[in-house]
PDB file of N, CA and C in Angstrom:
ATOM      1  N   MET A   1       0.830  -1.324  -0.083  1.00  0.00           N
ATOM      2  CA  MET A   1      -0.094  -0.034  -0.044  1.00  0.00           C
ATOM      3  C   MET A   1       1.131   1.036  -0.053  1.00  0.00           C
ATOM      4  N   ALA A   2       0.884   1.965  -0.870  1.00  0.00           N
ATOM      5  CA  ALA A   2       1.286   3.597  -1.225  1.00  0.00           C
ATOM      6  C   ALA A   2       0.885   4.118   0.212  1.00  0.00           C
ATOM      7  N   SER A   3       2.067   5.159   0.269  1.00  0.00           N
ATOM      8  CA  SER A   3       2.106   6.170   1.258  1.00  0.00           C
ATOM      9  C   SER A   3       1.229   7.025   1.146  1.00  0.00           C
ATOM     10  N   ALA A   4       0.607   7.905   2.157  1.00  0.00           N
ATOM     11  CA  ALA A   4      -0.565   8.861   2.005  1.00  0.00           C
ATOM     12  C   ALA A   4       0.258   9.978   1.191  1.00  0.00           C
ATOM     13  N   ALA A   5       1.707  10.131   1.212  1.00  0.00           N
ATOM     14  CA  ALA A   5       2.676  11.078   1.135  1.00  0.00           C
ATOM     15  C   ALA A   5       2.730  10.943  -0.734  1.00  0.00           C
ATOM     16  N   VAL A   6       2.488   9.593  -1.208  1.00  0.00           N
ATOM     17  CA  VAL A   6       2.605   9.197  -2.267  1.00  0.00           C
ATOM     18  C   VAL A   6       1.514   9.676  -3.420  1.00  0.00           C
ATOM     19  N   LYS A   7       1.415  10.340  -4.146  1.00  0.00           N
ATOM     20  CA  LYS A   7       0.082  10.759  -5.144  1.00  0.00           C
ATOM     21  C   LYS A   7      -0.149   9.461  -6.192  1.00  0.00           C
ATOM     22  N   GLU A   8      -1.440   9.637  -6.917  1.00  0.00           N
ATOM     23  CA  GLU A   8      -1.772   8.577  -7.547  1.00  0.00           C
ATOM     24  C   GLU A   8      -1.942   9.721  -8.824  1.00  0.00           C
ATOM     25  N   PHE A   9      -0.886   9.266 -10.314  1.00  0.00           N
ATOM     26  CA  PHE A   9      -1.142  10.352 -11.133  1.00  0.00           C
ATOM     27  C   PHE A   9      -1.908   9.826 -12.275  1.00  0.00           C
ATOM     28  N   THR A  10      -2.515  10.249 -13.187  1.00  0.00           N
ATOM     29  CA  THR A  10      -3.091   9.523 -14.059  1.00  0.00           C
ATOM     30  C   THR A  10      -3.509  10.443 -15.347  1.00  0.00           C
ATOM     31  N   ASP A  11      -3.780   9.722 -16.287  1.00  0.00           N
ATOM     32  CA  ASP A  11      -3.825  10.697 -17.577  1.00  0.00           C
ATOM     33  C   ASP A  11      -4.659  12.002 -17.518  1.00  0.00           C
ATOM     34  N   GLU A  12      -5.866  11.999 -16.889  1.00  0.00           N
ATOM     35  CA  GLU A  12      -6.602  12.934 -16.594  1.00  0.00           C
ATOM     36  C   GLU A  12      -5.459  14.022 -15.526  1.00  0.00           C
ATOM     37  N   ASN A  13      -5.229  13.893 -14.442  1.00  0.00           N
ATOM     38  CA  ASN A  13      -4.821  14.792 -13.816  1.00  0.00           C
ATOM     39  C   ASN A  13      -2.940  14.864 -14.032  1.00  0.00           C
ATOM     40  N   PHE A  14      -2.364  14.540 -15.133  1.00  0.00           N
ATOM     41  CA  PHE A  14      -0.950  14.548 -15.033  1.00  0.00           C
ATOM     42  C   PHE A  14      -0.605  16.222 -15.518  1.00  0.00           C
ATOM     43  N   ASP A  15      -1.379  16.542 -16.090  1.00  0.00           N
ATOM     44  CA  ASP A  15      -0.544  17.813 -16.569  1.00  0.00           C
ATOM     45  C   ASP A  15      -0.761  18.821 -15.370  1.00  0.00           C
ATOM     46  N   SER A  16      -2.078  18.853 -14.820  1.00  0.00           N
ATOM     47  CA  SER A  16      -2.039  19.906 -13.819  1.00  0.00           C
ATOM     48  C   SER A  16      -1.427  19.374 -12.480  1.00  0.00           C
ATOM     49  N   GLU A  17      -0.846  18.107 -12.397  1.00  0.00           N
ATOM     50  CA  GLU A  17      -0.212  17.607 -10.917  1.00  0.00           C
ATOM     51  C   GLU A  17       1.165  17.402 -11.597  1.00  0.00           C
ATOM     52  N   VAL A  18       1.418  17.281 -12.244  1.00  0.00           N
ATOM     53  CA  VAL A  18       2.949  17.198 -12.813  1.00  0.00           C
ATOM     54  C   VAL A  18       3.532  18.288 -13.675  1.00  0.00           C
ATOM     55  N   LEU A  19       3.066  18.704 -14.623  1.00  0.00           N
ATOM     56  CA  LEU A  19       3.692  19.108 -15.960  1.00  0.00           C
ATOM     57  C   LEU A  19       3.529  20.680 -15.193  1.00  0.00           C
ATOM     58  N   GLN A  20       2.233  21.226 -14.454  1.00  0.00           N
ATOM     59  CA  GLN A  20       2.170  22.650 -14.176  1.00  0.00           C
ATOM     60  C   GLN A  20       2.798  22.583 -12.609  1.00  0.00           C
ATOM     61  N   SER A  21       3.488  21.458 -12.171  1.00  0.00           N
ATOM     62  CA  SER A  21       3.375  22.125 -10.803  1.00  0.00           C
ATOM     63  C   SER A  21       4.799  23.178 -10.553  1.00  0.00           C
ATOM     64  N   ASP A  22       4.219  23.836  -9.436  1.00  0.00           N
ATOM     65  CA  ASP A  22       5.417  24.665  -9.038  1.00  0.00           C
ATOM     66  C   ASP A  22       6.583  23.938  -8.491  1.00  0.00           C
ATOM     67  N   THR A  23       6.411  22.729  -7.796  1.00  0.00           N
ATOM     68  CA  THR A  23       7.542  22.245  -7.160  1.00  0.00           C
ATOM     69  C   THR A  23       8.113  20.902  -7.866  1.00  0.00           C
ATOM     70  N   PRO A  24       9.136  20.521  -7.752  1.00  0.00           N
ATOM     71  CA  PRO A  24       9.575  19.376  -8.446  1.00  0.00           C
ATOM     72  C   PRO A  24       8.845  18.127  -8.593  1.00  0.00           C
ATOM     73  N   VAL A  25       8.714  17.022  -9.292  1.00  0.00           N
ATOM     74  CA  VAL A  25       7.905  16.009  -8.892  1.00  0.00           C
ATOM     75  C   VAL A  25       8.760  14.980  -9.606  1.00  0.00           C
ATOM     76  N   LEU A  26       8.460  13.839  -8.813  1.00  0.00           N
ATOM     77  CA  LEU A  26       9.236  12.320  -9.205  1.00  0.00           C
ATOM     78  C   LEU A  26       7.727  11.596  -9.391  1.00  0.00           C
ATOM     79  N   VAL A  27       8.024  11.051 -10.843  1.00  0.00           N
ATOM     80  CA  VAL A  27       6.860  10.118 -11.208  1.00  0.00           C
ATOM     81  C   VAL A  27       7.366   8.926 -11.496  1.00  0.00           C
ATOM     82  N   ASP A  28       6.730   7.838 -10.684  1.00  0.00           N
ATOM     83  CA  ASP A  28       6.949   6.419 -10.817  1.00  0.00           C
ATOM     84  C   ASP A  28       5.869   5.941 -12.067  1.00  0.00           C
ATOM     85  N   PHE A  29       6.908   5.644 -12.911  1.00  0.00           N
ATOM     86  CA  PHE A  29       5.559   4.751 -14.220  1.00  0.00           C
ATOM     87  C   PHE A  29       6.109   3.060 -13.522  1.00  0.00           C
ATOM     88  N   TRP A  30       4.850   2.674 -13.338  1.00  0.00           N
ATOM     89  CA  TRP A  30       4.756   1.105 -12.796  1.00  0.00           C
ATOM     90  C   TRP A  30       3.330   0.329 -13.830  1.00  0.00           C
ATOM     91  N   ALA A  31       3.417  -1.018 -12.868  1.00  0.00           N
ATOM     92  CA  ALA A  31       2.160  -1.789 -13.119  1.00  0.00           C
ATOM     93  C   ALA A  31       1.966  -2.889 -11.868  1.00  0.00           C
ATOM     94  N   PRO A  32       0.971  -3.098 -11.640  1.00  0.00           N
ATOM     95  CA  PRO A  32       0.835  -4.376 -10.645  1.00  0.00           C
ATOM     96  C   PRO A  32       1.589  -5.340 -10.907  1.00  0.00           C
ATOM     97  N   TRP A  33       1.575  -5.727 -12.044  1.00  0.00           N
ATOM     98  CA  TRP A  33       2.406  -7.210 -12.158  1.00  0.00           C
ATOM     99  C   TRP A  33       3.901  -7.082 -12.282  1.00  0.00           C
ATOM    100  N   CYS A  34       4.360  -6.148 -12.127  1.00  0.00           N
ATOM    101  CA  CYS A  34       5.806  -5.825 -12.638  1.00  0.00           C
ATOM    102  C   CYS A  34       6.712  -5.969 -10.938  1.00  0.00           C
ATOM    103  N   GLY A  35       7.320  -7.031 -10.987  1.00  0.00           N
ATOM    104  CA  GLY A  35       7.987  -7.525  -9.667  1.00  0.00           C
ATOM    105  C   GLY A  35       9.309  -6.647  -9.204  1.00  0.00           C
ATOM    106  N   PRO A  36       9.862  -6.163 -10.108  1.00  0.00           N
ATOM    107  CA  PRO A  36      10.627  -4.848  -9.766  1.00  0.00           C
ATOM    108  C   PRO A  36      10.129  -3.343  -9.091  1.00  0.00           C
ATOM    109  N   CYS A  37       9.039  -3.283  -9.775  1.00  0.00           N
ATOM    110  CA  CYS A  37       8.270  -1.893  -9.548  1.00  0.00           C
ATOM    111  C   CYS A  37       7.663  -2.096  -7.993  1.00  0.00           C
ATOM    112  N   ARG A  38       7.379  -3.415  -7.486  1.00  0.00           N
ATOM    113  CA  ARG A  38       6.693  -3.611  -6.074  1.00  0.00           C
ATOM    114  C   ARG A  38       8.187  -3.592  -5.314  1.00  0.00           C
ATOM    115  N   GLN A  39       9.239  -4.106  -5.771  1.00  0.00           N
ATOM    116  CA  GLN A  39      10.426  -4.052  -5.232  1.00  0.00           C
ATOM    117  C   GLN A  39      10.945  -2.622  -4.434  1.00  0.00           C
ATOM    118  N   ILE A  40      10.438  -1.679  -5.452  1.00  0.00           N
ATOM    119  CA  ILE A  40      11.017  -0.170  -4.904  1.00  0.00           C
ATOM    120  C   ILE A  40       9.902   0.831  -4.654  1.00  0.00           C
ATOM    121  N   ALA A  41       8.747  -0.003  -4.414  1.00  0.00           N
ATOM    122  CA  ALA A  41       7.742   0.699  -3.698  1.00  0.00           C
ATOM    123  C   ALA A  41       7.567   1.379  -2.619  1.00  0.00           C
ATOM    124  N   PRO A  42       8.663   0.221  -1.512  1.00  0.00           N
ATOM    125  CA  PRO A  42       8.566   0.826  -0.104  1.00  0.00           C
ATOM    126  C   PRO A  42       9.918   2.254   0.178  1.00  0.00           C
ATOM    127  N   MET A  43      10.865   2.214  -1.204  1.00  0.00           N
ATOM    128  CA  MET A  43      11.683   2.995  -1.447  1.00  0.00           C
ATOM    129  C   MET A  43      10.813   4.312  -1.917  1.00  0.00           C
ATOM    130  N   ILE A  44       9.871   4.207  -2.652  1.00  0.00           N
ATOM    131  CA  ILE A  44       9.184   5.345  -3.090  1.00  0.00           C
ATOM    132  C   ILE A  44       8.296   6.131  -1.690  1.00  0.00           C
ATOM    133  N   ASP A  45       7.992   5.115  -1.136  1.00  0.00           N
ATOM    134  CA  ASP A  45       7.032   5.907   0.137  1.00  0.00           C
ATOM    135  C   ASP A  45       7.992   6.511   0.754  1.00  0.00           C
ATOM    136  N   GLU A  46       9.421   5.797   1.549  1.00  0.00           N
ATOM    137  CA  GLU A  46      10.237   6.554   1.987  1.00  0.00           C
ATOM    138  C   GLU A  46      10.524   8.153   1.619  1.00  0.00           C
ATOM    139  N   LEU A  47      10.968   8.340  -0.031  1.00  0.00           N
ATOM    140  CA  LEU A  47      11.530   9.212  -0.469  1.00  0.00           C
ATOM    141  C   LEU A  47      10.184  10.396  -0.049  1.00  0.00           C
ATOM    142  N   ALA A  48       8.795   9.812  -0.574  1.00  0.00           N
ATOM    143  CA  ALA A  48       8.011  10.900  -0.397  1.00  0.00           C
ATOM    144  C   ALA A  48       7.927  11.190   1.131  1.00  0.00           C
ATOM    145  N   ASN A  49       8.383  10.574   2.306  1.00  0.00           N
ATOM    146  CA  ASN A  49       8.241  11.089   3.376  1.00  0.00           C
ATOM    147  C   ASN A  49       8.883  12.022   3.738  1.00  0.00           C
ATOM    148  N   GLU A  50      10.350  11.471   3.309  1.00  0.00           N
ATOM    149  CA  GLU A  50      11.405  12.144   3.386  1.00  0.00           C
ATOM    150  C   GLU A  50      11.532  13.669   3.206  1.00  0.00           C
ATOM    151  N   ASN A  51      11.092  13.720   1.731  1.00  0.00           N
ATOM    152  CA  ASN A  51      11.008  15.112   0.919  1.00  0.00           C
ATOM    153  C   ASN A  51       9.841  15.535   0.786  1.00  0.00           C
ATOM    154  N   PRO A  52       9.489  16.348   1.592  1.00  0.00           N
ATOM    155  CA  PRO A  52       8.266  17.089   2.157  1.00  0.00           C
ATOM    156  C   PRO A  52       7.766  18.469   0.690  1.00  0.00           C
ATOM    157  N   SER A  53       9.121  18.896   0.237  1.00  0.00           N
ATOM    158  CA  SER A  53       9.429  19.833  -0.953  1.00  0.00           C
ATOM    159  C   SER A  53       9.118  19.502  -1.670  1.00  0.00           C
ATOM    160  N   VAL A  54       9.127  18.100  -2.538  1.00  0.00           N
ATOM    161  CA  VAL A  54       8.835  17.504  -3.669  1.00  0.00           C
ATOM    162  C   VAL A  54       7.732  16.750  -3.810  1.00  0.00           C
ATOM    163  N   LYS A  55       7.019  16.861  -4.641  1.00  0.00           N
ATOM    164  CA  LYS A  55       5.764  15.950  -4.934  1.00  0.00           C
ATOM    165  C   LYS A  55       6.087  14.444  -5.770  1.00  0.00           C
ATOM    166  N   ILE A  56       5.826  13.674  -5.004  1.00  0.00           N
ATOM    167  CA  ILE A  56       6.423  12.367  -5.335  1.00  0.00           C
ATOM    168  C   ILE A  56       5.053  11.277  -5.624  1.00  0.00           C
ATOM    169  N   GLY A  57       4.985  10.848  -6.798  1.00  0.00           N
ATOM    170  CA  GLY A  57       3.656   9.758  -7.257  1.00  0.00           C
ATOM    171  C   GLY A  57       4.186   8.710  -8.251  1.00  0.00           C
ATOM    172  N   LYS A  58       2.990   8.222  -8.408  1.00  0.00           N
ATOM    173  CA  LYS A  58       3.122   6.918  -9.258  1.00  0.00           C
ATOM    174  C   LYS A  58       2.000   6.998 -10.599  1.00  0.00           C
ATOM    175  N   ILE A  59       2.300   6.326 -11.379  1.00  0.00           N
ATOM    176  CA  ILE A  59       1.167   6.236 -12.443  1.00  0.00           C
ATOM    177  C   ILE A  59       1.436   4.470 -13.144  1.00  0.00           C
ATOM    178  N   ASN A  60       0.368   4.173 -12.946  1.00  0.00           N
ATOM    179  CA  ASN A  60      -0.148   2.880 -13.309  1.00  0.00           C
ATOM    180  C   ASN A  60      -0.586   2.731 -14.740  1.00  0.00           C
ATOM    181  N   ILE A  61       0.630   2.041 -15.789  1.00  0.00           N
ATOM    182  CA  ILE A  61       0.831   2.494 -17.037  1.00  0.00           C
ATOM    183  C   ILE A  61      -0.054   1.421 -17.848  1.00  0.00           C
ATOM    184  N   ASP A  62      -0.438   0.515 -16.953  1.00  0.00           N
ATOM    185  CA  ASP A  62      -1.800  -0.319 -17.652  1.00  0.00           C
ATOM    186  C   ASP A  62      -3.008   0.548 -17.751  1.00  0.00           C
ATOM    187  N   GLU A  63      -3.568   1.449 -16.469  1.00  0.00           N
ATOM    188  CA  GLU A  63      -4.563   2.129 -16.433  1.00  0.00           C
ATOM    189  C   GLU A  63      -4.358   3.338 -16.870  1.00  0.00           C
ATOM    190  N   ASN A  64      -3.496   4.165 -17.373  1.00  0.00           N
ATOM    191  CA  ASN A  64      -3.125   5.096 -18.113  1.00  0.00           C
ATOM    192  C   ASN A  64      -1.729   5.213 -19.187  1.00  0.00           C
ATOM    193  N   PRO A  65      -2.341   4.592 -20.175  1.00  0.00           N
ATOM    194  CA  PRO A  65      -1.323   4.099 -21.284  1.00  0.00           C
ATOM    195  C   PRO A  65      -1.105   5.869 -22.049  1.00  0.00           C
ATOM    196  N   GLY A  66      -1.883   6.625 -21.750  1.00  0.00           N
ATOM    197  CA  GLY A  66      -1.461   7.909 -23.042  1.00  0.00           C
ATOM    198  C   GLY A  66      -0.351   8.500 -22.032  1.00  0.00           C
ATOM    199  N   ILE A  67      -0.082   8.561 -21.073  1.00  0.00           N
ATOM    200  CA  ILE A  67       1.249   9.282 -20.345  1.00  0.00           C
ATOM    201  C   ILE A  67       2.405   8.369 -20.659  1.00  0.00           C
ATOM    202  N   ALA A  68       2.155   7.302 -20.630  1.00  0.00           N
ATOM    203  CA  ALA A  68       3.350   6.294 -20.644  1.00  0.00           C
ATOM    204  C   ALA A  68       3.684   6.733 -22.109  1.00  0.00           C
ATOM    205  N   GLN A  69       3.030   6.392 -23.252  1.00  0.00           N
ATOM    206  CA  GLN A  69       3.240   6.429 -24.648  1.00  0.00           C
ATOM    207  C   GLN A  69       3.809   7.944 -24.893  1.00  0.00           C
ATOM    208  N   GLN A  70       3.293   9.067 -24.351  1.00  0.00           N
ATOM    209  CA  GLN A  70       3.767  10.311 -24.260  1.00  0.00           C
ATOM    210  C   GLN A  70       5.042  10.596 -24.044  1.00  0.00           C
ATOM    211  N   PHE A  71       5.574   9.757 -22.980  1.00  0.00           N
ATOM    212  CA  PHE A  71       7.099   9.921 -22.732  1.00  0.00           C
ATOM    213  C   PHE A  71       7.715   8.884 -23.103  1.00  0.00           C
ATOM    214  N   GLY A  72       7.409   7.687 -23.996  1.00  0.00           N
ATOM    215  CA  GLY A  72       8.025   6.725 -24.208  1.00  0.00           C
ATOM    216  C   GLY A  72       8.727   6.001 -23.549  1.00  0.00           C
ATOM    217  N   ILE A  73       7.572   5.306 -22.532  1.00  0.00           N
ATOM    218  CA  ILE A  73       8.133   4.801 -21.208  1.00  0.00           C
ATOM    219  C   ILE A  73       7.823   3.120 -22.072  1.00  0.00           C
ATOM    220  N   SER A  74       9.131   2.601 -22.284  1.00  0.00           N
ATOM    221  CA  SER A  74       9.036   1.437 -22.920  1.00  0.00           C
ATOM    222  C   SER A  74       9.499   0.158 -21.795  1.00  0.00           C
ATOM    223  N   SER A  75       9.987   0.543 -20.698  1.00  0.00           N
ATOM    224  CA  SER A  75      10.558  -0.612 -19.507  1.00  0.00           C
ATOM    225  C   SER A  75       9.919  -0.079 -18.411  1.00  0.00           C
ATOM    226  N   ILE A  76       9.687  -0.952 -17.279  1.00  0.00           N
ATOM    227  CA  ILE A  76       9.112  -0.353 -15.872  1.00  0.00           C
ATOM    228  C   ILE A  76       9.775  -1.096 -14.834  1.00  0.00           C
ATOM    229  N   PRO A  77      10.338  -0.341 -13.960  1.00  0.00           N
ATOM    230  CA  PRO A  77       9.819   0.745 -13.357  1.00  0.00           C
ATOM    231  C   PRO A  77      10.773   1.920 -14.332  1.00  0.00           C
ATOM    232  N   THR A  78      10.477   2.719 -14.532  1.00  0.00           N
ATOM    233  CA  THR A  78      10.539   4.238 -15.087  1.00  0.00           C
ATOM    234  C   THR A  78      10.616   5.363 -14.001  1.00  0.00           C
ATOM    235  N   LEU A  79      11.559   5.910 -13.759  1.00  0.00           N
ATOM    236  CA  LEU A  79      11.315   6.954 -12.823  1.00  0.00           C
ATOM    237  C   LEU A  79      11.684   8.343 -13.479  1.00  0.00           C
ATOM    238  N   LEU A  80      11.037   9.343 -13.386  1.00  0.00           N
ATOM    239  CA  LEU A  80      11.011  10.226 -13.958  1.00  0.00           C
ATOM    240  C   LEU A  80      10.873  11.645 -13.047  1.00  0.00           C
ATOM    241  N   VAL A  81      11.798  12.425 -13.376  1.00  0.00           N
ATOM    242  CA  VAL A  81      11.938  13.704 -12.435  1.00  0.00           C
ATOM    243  C   VAL A  81      11.709  14.889 -13.084  1.00  0.00           C
ATOM    244  N   PHE A  82      10.605  15.662 -12.856  1.00  0.00           N
ATOM    245  CA  PHE A  82       9.991  16.681 -13.493  1.00  0.00           C
ATOM    246  C   PHE A  82      10.422  17.924 -12.666  1.00  0.00           C
ATOM    247  N   ALA A  83      10.809  19.113 -13.569  1.00  0.00           N
ATOM    248  CA  ALA A  83      10.898  20.486 -12.683  1.00  0.00           C
ATOM    249  C   ALA A  83      10.762  21.517 -13.972  1.00  0.00           C
ATOM    250  N   LYS A  84       9.912  22.248 -13.647  1.00  0.00           N
ATOM    251  CA  LYS A  84       9.256  23.125 -14.377  1.00  0.00           C
ATOM    252  C   LYS A  84       8.497  22.772 -15.499  1.00  0.00           C
ATOM    253  N   GLY A  85       7.819  21.548 -15.233  1.00  0.00           N
ATOM    254  CA  GLY A  85       7.041  21.024 -16.549  1.00  0.00           C
ATOM    255  C   GLY A  85       8.178  20.082 -17.554  1.00  0.00           C
ATOM    256  N   GLU A  86       9.528  20.124 -17.193  1.00  0.00           N
ATOM    257  CA  GLU A  86      10.605  19.272 -18.228  1.00  0.00           C
ATOM    258  C   GLU A  86      10.738  18.124 -17.032  1.00  0.00           C
ATOM    259  N   VAL A  87      11.254  17.439 -18.149  1.00  0.00           N
ATOM    260  CA  VAL A  87      11.933  15.990 -17.552  1.00  0.00           C
ATOM    261  C   VAL A  87      13.488  16.489 -17.302  1.00  0.00           C
ATOM    262  N   SER A  88      13.960  16.469 -16.170  1.00  0.00           N
ATOM    263  CA  SER A  88      15.166  16.789 -15.523  1.00  0.00           C
ATOM    264  C   SER A  88      16.411  15.545 -15.361  1.00  0.00           C
ATOM    265  N   GLU A  89      15.686  14.549 -15.086  1.00  0.00           N
ATOM    266  CA  GLU A  89      16.193  12.963 -14.574  1.00  0.00           C
ATOM    267  C   GLU A  89      15.287  12.151 -15.191  1.00  0.00           C
ATOM    268  N   SER A  90      16.100  10.887 -15.659  1.00  0.00           N
ATOM    269  CA  SER A  90      15.323   9.687 -15.949  1.00  0.00           C
ATOM    270  C   SER A  90      15.963   8.444 -15.598  1.00  0.00           C
ATOM    271  N   PHE A  91      15.531   7.572 -14.962  1.00  0.00           N
ATOM    272  CA  PHE A  91      15.860   6.524 -14.505  1.00  0.00           C
ATOM    273  C   PHE A  91      15.251   5.183 -14.884  1.00  0.00           C
ATOM    274  N   VAL A  92      16.175   3.937 -15.417  1.00  0.00           N
ATOM    275  CA  VAL A  92      14.845   3.049 -15.930  1.00  0.00           C
ATOM    276  C   VAL A  92      15.481   1.840 -14.784  1.00  0.00           C
ATOM    277  N   GLY A  93      14.577   0.929 -14.447  1.00  0.00           N
ATOM    278  CA  GLY A  93      15.054  -0.420 -13.580  1.00  0.00           C
ATOM    279  C   GLY A  93      14.918   0.129 -12.232  1.00  0.00           C
ATOM    280  N   VAL A  94      15.469  -0.537 -11.520  1.00  0.00           N
ATOM    281  CA  VAL A  94      15.980  -0.229 -10.023  1.00  0.00           C
ATOM    282  C   VAL A  94      17.132   0.355  -9.844  1.00  0.00           C
ATOM    283  N   ARG A  95      16.884   1.655  -8.761  1.00  0.00           N
ATOM    284  CA  ARG A  95      18.264   2.067  -8.693  1.00  0.00           C
ATOM    285  C   ARG A  95      18.276   2.215  -7.287  1.00  0.00           C
ATOM    286  N   PRO A  96      19.052   2.665  -6.744  1.00  0.00           N
ATOM    287  CA  PRO A  96      19.272   3.159  -5.411  1.00  0.00           C
ATOM    288  C   PRO A  96      19.045   3.983  -5.043  1.00  0.00           C
ATOM    289  N   LYS A  97      18.440   4.114  -3.518  1.00  0.00           N
ATOM    290  CA  LYS A  97      17.969   5.105  -3.207  1.00  0.00           C
ATOM    291  C   LYS A  97      18.564   6.480  -3.148  1.00  0.00           C
ATOM    292  N   ALA A  98      20.007   6.791  -3.000  1.00  0.00           N
ATOM    293  CA  ALA A  98      21.158   7.372  -3.004  1.00  0.00           C
ATOM    294  C   ALA A  98      20.896   8.160  -4.208  1.00  0.00           C
ATOM    295  N   ALA A  99      20.779   7.481  -5.676  1.00  0.00           N
ATOM    296  CA  ALA A  99      20.994   7.965  -6.808  1.00  0.00           C
ATOM    297  C   ALA A  99      19.480   8.796  -7.254  1.00  0.00           C
ATOM    298  N   LEU A 100      18.298   8.579  -6.435  1.00  0.00           N
ATOM    299  CA  LEU A 100      17.259   9.358  -6.670  1.00  0.00           C
ATOM    300  C   LEU A 100      17.249  10.484  -5.891  1.00  0.00           C
ATOM    301  N   GLN A 101      17.915  10.314  -4.461  1.00  0.00           N
ATOM    302  CA  GLN A 101      17.705  11.517  -3.578  1.00  0.00           C
ATOM    303  C   GLN A 101      18.551  12.987  -4.342  1.00  0.00           C
ATOM    304  N   GLN A 102      19.762  12.161  -4.903  1.00  0.00           N
ATOM    305  CA  GLN A 102      20.721  13.134  -5.586  1.00  0.00           C
ATOM    306  C   GLN A 102      19.816  14.028  -6.507  1.00  0.00           C
ATOM    307  N   ALA A 103      19.106  12.944  -7.102  1.00  0.00           N
ATOM    308  CA  ALA A 103      18.224  13.715  -8.002  1.00  0.00           C
ATOM    309  C   ALA A 103      17.225  14.810  -7.870  1.00  0.00           C
ATOM    310  N   LEU A 104      16.783  14.383  -6.847  1.00  0.00           N
ATOM    311  CA  LEU A 104      15.578  15.543  -5.836  1.00  0.00           C
ATOM    312  C   LEU A 104      16.434  16.596  -5.988  1.00  0.00           C
ATOM    313  N   ASP A 105      17.233  16.250  -4.955  1.00  0.00           N
ATOM    314  CA  ASP A 105      18.308  17.901  -3.920  1.00  0.00           C
ATOM    315  C   ASP A 105      18.566  18.213  -5.460  1.00  0.00           C
ATOM    316  N   ALA A 106      19.131  17.738  -6.580  1.00  0.00           N
ATOM    317  CA  ALA A 106      19.080  18.743  -7.609  1.00  0.00           C
ATOM    318  C   ALA A 106      18.456  19.589  -8.454  1.00  0.00           C
ATOM    319  N   SER A 107      17.115  18.563  -8.428  1.00  0.00           N
ATOM    320  CA  SER A 107      16.155  19.467  -9.006  1.00  0.00           C
ATOM    321  C   SER A 107      15.233  20.670  -7.886  1.00  0.00           C
ATOM    322  N   ILE A 108      15.806  20.976  -6.594  1.00  0.00           N
ATOM    323  CA  ILE A 108      15.185  21.398  -5.724  1.00  0.00           C
ATOM    324  C   ILE A 108      16.219  22.899  -5.900  1.00  0.00           C
ATOM    325  N   ALA A 109      17.368  22.556  -6.005  1.00  0.00           N
ATOM    326  CA  ALA A 109      18.396  23.489  -6.069  1.00  0.00           C
ATOM    327  C   ALA A 109      18.157  24.896  -7.252  1.00  0.00           C
TER     328      ALA A 109
END
């Protein structure tokens, strides 16, 4: 179960929640059948709880294929960091928490 700090993004709210956000946003592209996606879920929860100045959320690519297609997501998990509506960092596959934290720190600076 996702932490309350982790938002659920959809094709319908992605523009307002992510692209128009005043704060940096980490988006986890995932699917329920993806083992590595489930493996990193607790780390995403931790990052959300430890970084209140950054919006962190997930988008289920099975339920929201439009956004996944728009950003060319072909492997999951894929994590994109958005700053001012643009992708500033991208990570494909399971990555260490420290690498994600570094990208979040850079997006705030």
